[in-house]
Amino acid sequence: MDPLHSCTEGEFYVPDDDILRELGRMQVLHSHLDHTLRLAIKRMLGISIDDPGYWNETRGMAAVLRERARNLIAERYRDDSDTADTLNKVLDDAGEVTMLRNRALHSVWMKTPGEQPVLHDRDNTLKMHVGFQLPTVEDLVSVSNRIERIKRVLNYLTRTLLSVG
């Protein structure tokens, strides 16, 4: 049975505790990243977290928040392409780690008899279900470290740039 195209004979697979621990750590850190995106939007709008418009301006999941931030960057930094490019690069990195996080957390961990376990998920480019290689502890730690770095950089940049400009 080819695990890349069919999981009808596969069984659910639960990874070991080290992997589960890193998945949980990655999820918590990604929640911090989402909150940092909301704070960046708040800062670019010049509003308080208590402002009645805060909820409407910062609702949504990671992709929606990144898009909202990109629109604000385009408005606020239209005359400063270096700053806009830097902030958009951070958002590009955030999009990549979100994709990796989503694959690890939203795919079905499966094991087909006689095969290695896989992450069974849709490949939106191929428009089909595929089996992705399972992440290692090291892979997950690397994604978590990237999430922490992106969060720090985004937080620093939006605080620093907006206090100057």
N, C-alpha and C. Protein backbone atom coordinates (compact mmCIF):
# COMPACT_ATOMS: atom_id res chain seq x y z
N MET A 1 0.86 -1.19 0.00
CA MET A 1 0.00 0.00 0.00
C MET A 1 0.89 1.24 0.00
N ASP A 2 0.64 2.17 -0.87
CA ASP A 2 1.42 3.40 -0.99
C ASP A 2 0.88 4.45 -0.01
N PRO A 3 1.64 4.81 1.04
CA PRO A 3 1.14 5.75 2.04
C PRO A 3 0.97 7.16 1.48
N LEU A 4 1.52 7.43 0.32
CA LEU A 4 1.39 8.77 -0.24
C LEU A 4 0.02 9.00 -0.87
N HIS A 5 -0.69 7.95 -1.22
CA HIS A 5 -1.94 8.13 -1.94
C HIS A 5 -3.15 7.52 -1.27
N SER A 6 -2.97 6.69 -0.28
CA SER A 6 -4.13 6.07 0.35
C SER A 6 -3.83 5.76 1.80
N CYS A 7 -4.76 6.14 2.65
CA CYS A 7 -4.63 5.78 4.06
C CYS A 7 -5.80 4.94 4.50
N THR A 8 -6.46 4.30 3.56
CA THR A 8 -7.63 3.50 3.92
C THR A 8 -7.24 2.30 4.77
N GLU A 9 -6.01 1.81 4.63
CA GLU A 9 -5.57 0.69 5.44
C GLU A 9 -4.59 1.12 6.52
N GLY A 10 -4.39 2.41 6.66
CA GLY A 10 -3.49 2.91 7.67
C GLY A 10 -4.16 3.01 9.02
N GLU A 11 -3.35 3.14 10.03
CA GLU A 11 -3.84 3.32 11.39
C GLU A 11 -3.34 4.66 11.91
N PHE A 12 -4.10 5.22 12.84
CA PHE A 12 -3.64 6.44 13.48
C PHE A 12 -2.34 6.14 14.23
N TYR A 13 -1.48 7.13 14.27
CA TYR A 13 -0.17 6.97 14.88
C TYR A 13 0.04 8.10 15.88
N VAL A 14 0.43 7.75 17.08
CA VAL A 14 0.73 8.76 18.10
C VAL A 14 2.24 8.74 18.31
N PRO A 15 2.89 9.90 18.10
CA PRO A 15 4.33 9.95 18.26
C PRO A 15 4.74 9.83 19.74
N ASP A 16 6.02 9.69 19.96
CA ASP A 16 6.51 9.54 21.34
C ASP A 16 6.39 10.86 22.12
N ASP A 17 6.62 10.75 23.42
CA ASP A 17 6.44 11.90 24.31
C ASP A 17 7.35 13.08 23.97
N ASP A 18 8.56 12.83 23.48
CA ASP A 18 9.46 13.93 23.11
C ASP A 18 8.87 14.75 21.96
N ILE A 19 8.32 14.06 20.98
CA ILE A 19 7.68 14.75 19.85
C ILE A 19 6.44 15.50 20.34
N LEU A 20 5.62 14.83 21.15
CA LEU A 20 4.41 15.48 21.66
C LEU A 20 4.75 16.74 22.47
N ARG A 21 5.79 16.67 23.26
CA ARG A 21 6.23 17.83 24.05
C ARG A 21 6.61 18.99 23.13
N GLU A 22 7.36 18.69 22.08
CA GLU A 22 7.79 19.75 21.16
C GLU A 22 6.62 20.29 20.34
N LEU A 23 5.66 19.43 20.00
CA LEU A 23 4.45 19.92 19.31
C LEU A 23 3.70 20.91 20.21
N GLY A 24 3.57 20.59 21.47
CA GLY A 24 2.91 21.50 22.41
C GLY A 24 3.66 22.81 22.56
N ARG A 25 4.98 22.73 22.67
CA ARG A 25 5.81 23.93 22.79
C ARG A 25 5.65 24.81 21.55
N MET A 26 5.68 24.17 20.39
CA MET A 26 5.54 24.91 19.14
C MET A 26 4.17 25.61 19.08
N GLN A 27 3.12 24.95 19.52
CA GLN A 27 1.78 25.54 19.49
C GLN A 27 1.70 26.75 20.42
N VAL A 28 2.24 26.63 21.62
CA VAL A 28 2.22 27.76 22.55
C VAL A 28 2.99 28.94 21.96
N LEU A 29 4.15 28.67 21.40
CA LEU A 29 4.95 29.75 20.81
C LEU A 29 4.24 30.37 19.61
N HIS A 30 3.55 29.56 18.84
CA HIS A 30 2.82 30.11 17.69
C HIS A 30 1.67 31.01 18.16
N SER A 31 1.05 30.67 19.26
CA SER A 31 0.02 31.54 19.84
C SER A 31 0.63 32.88 20.23
N HIS A 32 1.84 32.84 20.75
CA HIS A 32 2.55 34.09 21.08
C HIS A 32 2.80 34.91 19.81
N LEU A 33 3.17 34.22 18.73
CA LEU A 33 3.39 34.91 17.46
C LEU A 33 2.11 35.58 16.97
N ASP A 34 0.98 34.87 17.04
CA ASP A 34 -0.30 35.48 16.65
C ASP A 34 -0.58 36.72 17.49
N HIS A 35 -0.33 36.65 18.78
CA HIS A 35 -0.56 37.81 19.65
C HIS A 35 0.38 38.96 19.27
N THR A 36 1.62 38.63 18.95
CA THR A 36 2.58 39.66 18.53
C THR A 36 2.12 40.32 17.23
N LEU A 37 1.53 39.55 16.31
CA LEU A 37 0.96 40.14 15.09
C LEU A 37 -0.17 41.10 15.44
N ARG A 38 -1.00 40.73 16.39
CA ARG A 38 -2.08 41.62 16.82
C ARG A 38 -1.52 42.91 17.42
N LEU A 39 -0.47 42.79 18.22
CA LEU A 39 0.15 43.98 18.81
C LEU A 39 0.79 44.85 17.74
N ALA A 40 1.39 44.24 16.73
CA ALA A 40 1.99 45.01 15.64
C ALA A 40 0.91 45.80 14.90
N ILE A 41 -0.22 45.16 14.65
CA ILE A 41 -1.35 45.85 13.98
C ILE A 41 -1.83 46.99 14.85
N LYS A 42 -1.99 46.74 16.13
CA LYS A 42 -2.43 47.77 17.08
C LYS A 42 -1.47 48.95 17.04
N ARG A 43 -0.18 48.67 17.06
CA ARG A 43 0.83 49.74 17.04
C ARG A 43 0.76 50.54 15.74
N MET A 44 0.63 49.85 14.62
CA MET A 44 0.58 50.56 13.34
C MET A 44 -0.68 51.41 13.22
N LEU A 45 -1.75 50.98 13.87
CA LEU A 45 -2.98 51.77 13.87
C LEU A 45 -2.95 52.89 14.90
N GLY A 46 -2.03 52.79 15.85
CA GLY A 46 -1.94 53.79 16.90
C GLY A 46 -3.11 53.72 17.88
N ILE A 47 -3.61 52.51 18.12
CA ILE A 47 -4.74 52.35 19.04
C ILE A 47 -4.30 51.56 20.27
N SER A 48 -5.12 51.62 21.29
CA SER A 48 -4.89 50.89 22.52
C SER A 48 -5.53 49.52 22.42
N ILE A 49 -5.05 48.60 23.22
CA ILE A 49 -5.66 47.27 23.29
C ILE A 49 -7.08 47.38 23.84
N ASP A 50 -7.37 48.47 24.55
CA ASP A 50 -8.71 48.72 25.10
C ASP A 50 -9.61 49.49 24.14
N ASP A 51 -9.07 49.90 23.01
CA ASP A 51 -9.85 50.65 22.02
C ASP A 51 -11.00 49.77 21.51
N PRO A 52 -12.19 50.33 21.35
CA PRO A 52 -13.32 49.53 20.85
C PRO A 52 -13.06 48.90 19.49
N GLY A 53 -12.21 49.49 18.66
CA GLY A 53 -11.91 48.93 17.35
C GLY A 53 -10.86 47.84 17.35
N TYR A 54 -10.20 47.66 18.49
CA TYR A 54 -9.10 46.69 18.55
C TYR A 54 -9.56 45.30 18.10
N TRP A 55 -10.69 44.84 18.60
CA TRP A 55 -11.16 43.50 18.28
C TRP A 55 -11.38 43.33 16.77
N ASN A 56 -12.06 44.30 16.16
CA ASN A 56 -12.33 44.19 14.73
C ASN A 56 -11.05 44.25 13.90
N GLU A 57 -10.11 45.05 14.33
CA GLU A 57 -8.87 45.22 13.56
C GLU A 57 -7.91 44.04 13.70
N THR A 58 -8.05 43.27 14.77
CA THR A 58 -7.06 42.22 15.04
C THR A 58 -7.67 40.83 15.14
N ARG A 59 -8.89 40.66 14.66
CA ARG A 59 -9.48 39.31 14.73
C ARG A 59 -8.97 38.48 13.56
N GLY A 60 -9.05 37.20 13.73
CA GLY A 60 -8.64 36.29 12.67
C GLY A 60 -7.45 35.45 13.07
N MET A 61 -7.16 34.52 12.19
CA MET A 61 -6.04 33.61 12.42
C MET A 61 -4.80 34.16 11.71
N ALA A 62 -3.73 33.42 11.77
CA ALA A 62 -2.41 33.89 11.34
C ALA A 62 -2.41 34.50 9.93
N ALA A 63 -3.01 33.83 8.95
CA ALA A 63 -2.98 34.35 7.57
C ALA A 63 -3.70 35.68 7.46
N VAL A 64 -4.84 35.80 8.13
CA VAL A 64 -5.61 37.05 8.12
C VAL A 64 -4.82 38.16 8.79
N LEU A 65 -4.18 37.83 9.90
CA LEU A 65 -3.38 38.83 10.62
C LEU A 65 -2.19 39.30 9.79
N ARG A 66 -1.53 38.35 9.12
CA ARG A 66 -0.40 38.76 8.26
C ARG A 66 -0.87 39.66 7.13
N GLU A 67 -2.01 39.34 6.53
CA GLU A 67 -2.53 40.16 5.43
C GLU A 67 -2.90 41.56 5.93
N ARG A 68 -3.52 41.63 7.09
CA ARG A 68 -3.86 42.94 7.67
C ARG A 68 -2.60 43.74 7.94
N ALA A 69 -1.59 43.08 8.49
CA ALA A 69 -0.31 43.77 8.76
C ALA A 69 0.33 44.23 7.46
N ARG A 70 0.29 43.42 6.42
CA ARG A 70 0.87 43.82 5.12
C ARG A 70 0.16 45.07 4.56
N ASN A 71 -1.15 45.10 4.68
CA ASN A 71 -1.90 46.27 4.20
C ASN A 71 -1.51 47.52 4.97
N LEU A 72 -1.34 47.39 6.27
CA LEU A 72 -0.94 48.54 7.08
C LEU A 72 0.49 48.97 6.78
N ILE A 73 1.36 48.01 6.53
CA ILE A 73 2.74 48.32 6.15
C ILE A 73 2.75 49.09 4.84
N ALA A 74 1.95 48.64 3.89
CA ALA A 74 1.89 49.32 2.58
C ALA A 74 1.43 50.76 2.74
N GLU A 75 0.47 50.99 3.64
CA GLU A 75 -0.02 52.36 3.88
C GLU A 75 1.01 53.19 4.65
N ARG A 76 1.44 52.66 5.76
CA ARG A 76 2.29 53.43 6.68
C ARG A 76 3.69 53.68 6.13
N TYR A 77 4.23 52.71 5.40
CA TYR A 77 5.62 52.81 4.93
C TYR A 77 5.70 52.93 3.40
N ARG A 78 4.71 53.54 2.78
CA ARG A 78 4.72 53.65 1.32
C ARG A 78 5.89 54.49 0.82
N ASP A 79 6.42 55.37 1.67
CA ASP A 79 7.57 56.20 1.28
C ASP A 79 8.89 55.67 1.86
N ASP A 80 8.85 54.51 2.46
CA ASP A 80 10.04 53.92 3.07
C ASP A 80 10.11 52.44 2.69
N SER A 81 10.55 52.19 1.46
CA SER A 81 10.53 50.81 0.96
C SER A 81 11.46 49.88 1.72
N ASP A 82 12.56 50.40 2.27
CA ASP A 82 13.46 49.55 3.05
C ASP A 82 12.76 48.99 4.28
N THR A 83 12.06 49.85 5.00
CA THR A 83 11.33 49.40 6.19
C THR A 83 10.20 48.45 5.80
N ALA A 84 9.47 48.82 4.76
CA ALA A 84 8.38 47.95 4.30
C ALA A 84 8.92 46.58 3.90
N ASP A 85 10.02 46.55 3.17
CA ASP A 85 10.61 45.28 2.74
C ASP A 85 11.05 44.44 3.95
N THR A 86 11.65 45.08 4.93
CA THR A 86 12.10 44.37 6.13
C THR A 86 10.92 43.75 6.87
N LEU A 87 9.88 44.55 7.09
CA LEU A 87 8.71 44.05 7.80
C LEU A 87 8.01 42.94 7.00
N ASN A 88 7.92 43.10 5.69
CA ASN A 88 7.28 42.07 4.87
C ASN A 88 8.09 40.78 4.85
N LYS A 89 9.42 40.87 4.93
CA LYS A 89 10.26 39.68 5.00
C LYS A 89 9.98 38.93 6.31
N VAL A 90 9.81 39.66 7.40
CA VAL A 90 9.46 39.02 8.67
C VAL A 90 8.12 38.31 8.53
N LEU A 91 7.16 38.94 7.86
CA LEU A 91 5.85 38.31 7.65
C LEU A 91 5.95 37.09 6.73
N ASP A 92 6.85 37.14 5.73
CA ASP A 92 7.09 35.96 4.89
C ASP A 92 7.59 34.79 5.73
N ASP A 93 8.55 35.09 6.62
CA ASP A 93 9.07 34.05 7.51
C ASP A 93 7.97 33.51 8.41
N ALA A 94 7.11 34.40 8.90
CA ALA A 94 5.99 33.98 9.76
C ALA A 94 5.05 33.06 8.98
N GLY A 95 4.83 33.35 7.73
CA GLY A 95 3.98 32.49 6.91
C GLY A 95 4.58 31.11 6.73
N GLU A 96 5.88 31.05 6.55
CA GLU A 96 6.54 29.76 6.37
C GLU A 96 6.46 28.91 7.64
N VAL A 97 6.74 29.51 8.81
CA VAL A 97 6.68 28.71 10.04
C VAL A 97 5.24 28.32 10.36
N THR A 98 4.28 29.15 9.98
CA THR A 98 2.88 28.78 10.20
C THR A 98 2.51 27.57 9.35
N MET A 99 2.99 27.52 8.12
CA MET A 99 2.74 26.36 7.26
C MET A 99 3.35 25.10 7.87
N LEU A 100 4.57 25.20 8.38
CA LEU A 100 5.21 24.04 9.01
C LEU A 100 4.47 23.61 10.27
N ARG A 101 4.06 24.57 11.05
CA ARG A 101 3.30 24.30 12.27
C ARG A 101 1.96 23.66 11.91
N ASN A 102 1.27 24.21 10.93
CA ASN A 102 -0.02 23.65 10.53
C ASN A 102 0.11 22.22 10.03
N ARG A 103 1.16 21.97 9.26
CA ARG A 103 1.35 20.60 8.75
C ARG A 103 1.54 19.64 9.92
N ALA A 104 2.36 20.01 10.89
CA ALA A 104 2.64 19.11 12.01
C ALA A 104 1.42 18.92 12.91
N LEU A 105 0.63 19.97 13.09
CA LEU A 105 -0.48 19.90 14.04
C LEU A 105 -1.82 19.55 13.42
N HIS A 106 -2.01 19.80 12.14
CA HIS A 106 -3.31 19.57 11.52
C HIS A 106 -3.35 18.37 10.58
N SER A 107 -2.21 17.79 10.29
CA SER A 107 -2.18 16.57 9.49
C SER A 107 -2.57 15.40 10.38
N VAL A 108 -2.95 14.31 9.73
CA VAL A 108 -3.26 13.09 10.46
C VAL A 108 -1.99 12.25 10.50
N TRP A 109 -1.55 11.94 11.69
CA TRP A 109 -0.38 11.09 11.86
C TRP A 109 -0.83 9.66 11.64
N MET A 110 -0.31 9.02 10.56
CA MET A 110 -0.77 7.70 10.12
C MET A 110 0.41 6.75 9.96
N LYS A 111 0.08 5.47 10.11
CA LYS A 111 1.06 4.42 9.82
C LYS A 111 0.35 3.33 9.04
N THR A 112 0.83 3.10 7.84
CA THR A 112 0.33 2.02 6.99
C THR A 112 1.19 0.78 7.30
N PRO A 113 0.58 -0.38 7.44
CA PRO A 113 1.36 -1.59 7.73
C PRO A 113 2.53 -1.76 6.77
N GLY A 114 3.69 -2.04 7.34
CA GLY A 114 4.89 -2.26 6.55
C GLY A 114 5.57 -0.99 6.06
N GLU A 115 5.04 0.17 6.42
CA GLU A 115 5.60 1.45 5.97
C GLU A 115 5.98 2.30 7.18
N GLN A 116 6.75 3.34 6.93
CA GLN A 116 7.07 4.32 7.97
C GLN A 116 5.85 5.21 8.20
N PRO A 117 5.67 5.71 9.42
CA PRO A 117 4.58 6.66 9.66
C PRO A 117 4.75 7.92 8.82
N VAL A 118 3.64 8.56 8.50
CA VAL A 118 3.65 9.79 7.71
C VAL A 118 2.63 10.77 8.28
N LEU A 119 2.78 12.01 7.87
CA LEU A 119 1.76 13.03 8.11
C LEU A 119 0.87 13.04 6.88
N HIS A 120 -0.35 12.58 7.02
CA HIS A 120 -1.29 12.50 5.91
C HIS A 120 -2.05 13.82 5.84
N ASP A 121 -1.92 14.51 4.70
CA ASP A 121 -2.56 15.81 4.56
C ASP A 121 -2.78 16.10 3.09
N ARG A 122 -3.53 17.17 2.84
CA ARG A 122 -3.73 17.63 1.47
C ARG A 122 -2.53 18.46 1.05
N ASP A 123 -2.14 18.29 -0.17
CA ASP A 123 -1.16 19.17 -0.78
C ASP A 123 -1.96 20.10 -1.68
N ASN A 124 -2.08 21.35 -1.29
CA ASN A 124 -2.92 22.29 -2.04
C ASN A 124 -2.38 22.59 -3.43
N THR A 125 -1.09 22.42 -3.62
CA THR A 125 -0.52 22.64 -4.95
C THR A 125 -0.87 21.48 -5.87
N LEU A 126 -0.71 20.26 -5.38
CA LEU A 126 -1.00 19.07 -6.18
C LEU A 126 -2.49 18.73 -6.21
N LYS A 127 -3.26 19.30 -5.28
CA LYS A 127 -4.69 19.02 -5.17
C LYS A 127 -4.95 17.54 -4.91
N MET A 128 -4.17 16.99 -3.99
CA MET A 128 -4.34 15.59 -3.63
C MET A 128 -3.80 15.36 -2.22
N HIS A 129 -4.15 14.22 -1.64
CA HIS A 129 -3.61 13.85 -0.34
C HIS A 129 -2.24 13.22 -0.54
N VAL A 130 -1.33 13.57 0.36
CA VAL A 130 0.03 13.03 0.29
C VAL A 130 0.49 12.70 1.70
N GLY A 131 1.58 11.97 1.76
CA GLY A 131 2.22 11.66 3.03
C GLY A 131 3.50 12.44 3.15
N PHE A 132 3.55 13.32 4.15
CA PHE A 132 4.76 14.09 4.41
C PHE A 132 5.60 13.35 5.45
N GLN A 133 6.90 13.51 5.37
CA GLN A 133 7.79 12.89 6.35
C GLN A 133 7.50 13.47 7.74
N LEU A 134 7.54 12.60 8.75
CA LEU A 134 7.33 13.06 10.11
C LEU A 134 8.47 13.97 10.55
N PRO A 135 8.15 15.02 11.29
CA PRO A 135 9.22 15.86 11.83
C PRO A 135 9.92 15.14 12.98
N THR A 136 11.19 15.42 13.12
CA THR A 136 11.96 14.92 14.27
C THR A 136 11.85 15.94 15.39
N VAL A 137 12.32 15.56 16.57
CA VAL A 137 12.39 16.52 17.67
C VAL A 137 13.20 17.73 17.24
N GLU A 138 14.31 17.48 16.56
CA GLU A 138 15.19 18.57 16.12
C GLU A 138 14.47 19.49 15.13
N ASP A 139 13.68 18.90 14.24
CA ASP A 139 12.90 19.71 13.29
C ASP A 139 11.94 20.63 14.04
N LEU A 140 11.24 20.08 15.01
CA LEU A 140 10.25 20.86 15.76
C LEU A 140 10.92 21.93 16.61
N VAL A 141 12.06 21.61 17.21
CA VAL A 141 12.81 22.60 17.99
C VAL A 141 13.24 23.73 17.06
N SER A 142 13.67 23.39 15.86
CA SER A 142 14.10 24.40 14.90
C SER A 142 12.94 25.33 14.53
N VAL A 143 11.76 24.77 14.27
CA VAL A 143 10.59 25.60 13.96
C VAL A 143 10.25 26.48 15.15
N SER A 144 10.26 25.92 16.35
CA SER A 144 9.96 26.71 17.55
C SER A 144 10.96 27.85 17.72
N ASN A 145 12.23 27.57 17.48
CA ASN A 145 13.24 28.63 17.58
C ASN A 145 13.01 29.72 16.54
N ARG A 146 12.61 29.33 15.35
CA ARG A 146 12.30 30.32 14.31
C ARG A 146 11.10 31.17 14.72
N ILE A 147 10.08 30.52 15.29
CA ILE A 147 8.90 31.26 15.74
C ILE A 147 9.31 32.29 16.79
N GLU A 148 10.13 31.88 17.76
CA GLU A 148 10.59 32.81 18.80
C GLU A 148 11.36 33.98 18.20
N ARG A 149 12.23 33.69 17.23
CA ARG A 149 13.03 34.75 16.60
C ARG A 149 12.12 35.72 15.85
N ILE A 150 11.18 35.21 15.08
CA ILE A 150 10.27 36.06 14.31
C ILE A 150 9.46 36.94 15.25
N LYS A 151 8.98 36.36 16.33
CA LYS A 151 8.19 37.11 17.31
C LYS A 151 9.03 38.23 17.91
N ARG A 152 10.28 37.93 18.30
CA ARG A 152 11.17 38.96 18.86
C ARG A 152 11.44 40.08 17.86
N VAL A 153 11.75 39.70 16.63
CA VAL A 153 12.08 40.70 15.60
C VAL A 153 10.86 41.57 15.29
N LEU A 154 9.71 40.96 15.10
CA LEU A 154 8.50 41.73 14.81
C LEU A 154 8.15 42.67 15.96
N ASN A 155 8.24 42.17 17.16
CA ASN A 155 7.95 42.99 18.33
C ASN A 155 8.93 44.16 18.42
N TYR A 156 10.22 43.88 18.25
CA TYR A 156 11.23 44.91 18.33
C TYR A 156 11.03 45.95 17.22
N LEU A 157 10.86 45.49 16.00
CA LEU A 157 10.72 46.42 14.88
C LEU A 157 9.50 47.32 15.02
N THR A 158 8.38 46.74 15.38
CA THR A 158 7.18 47.58 15.45
C THR A 158 7.25 48.54 16.63
N ARG A 159 7.87 48.14 17.72
CA ARG A 159 8.05 49.07 18.84
C ARG A 159 9.03 50.18 18.47
N THR A 160 10.17 49.79 17.91
CA THR A 160 11.23 50.76 17.59
C THR A 160 10.81 51.70 16.48
N LEU A 161 10.31 51.16 15.38
CA LEU A 161 9.96 51.99 14.24
C LEU A 161 8.83 52.98 14.58
N LEU A 162 7.87 52.51 15.33
CA LEU A 162 6.73 53.37 15.62
C LEU A 162 7.02 54.39 16.70
N SER A 163 8.06 54.15 17.52
CA SER A 163 8.43 55.17 18.50
C SER A 163 9.23 56.29 17.84
N VAL A 164 9.87 55.95 16.70
CA VAL A 164 10.66 56.94 15.96
C VAL A 164 9.77 57.74 15.01
N GLY A 165 8.87 57.02 14.30
CA GLY A 165 8.09 57.66 13.24
C GLY A 165 6.79 58.10 13.61
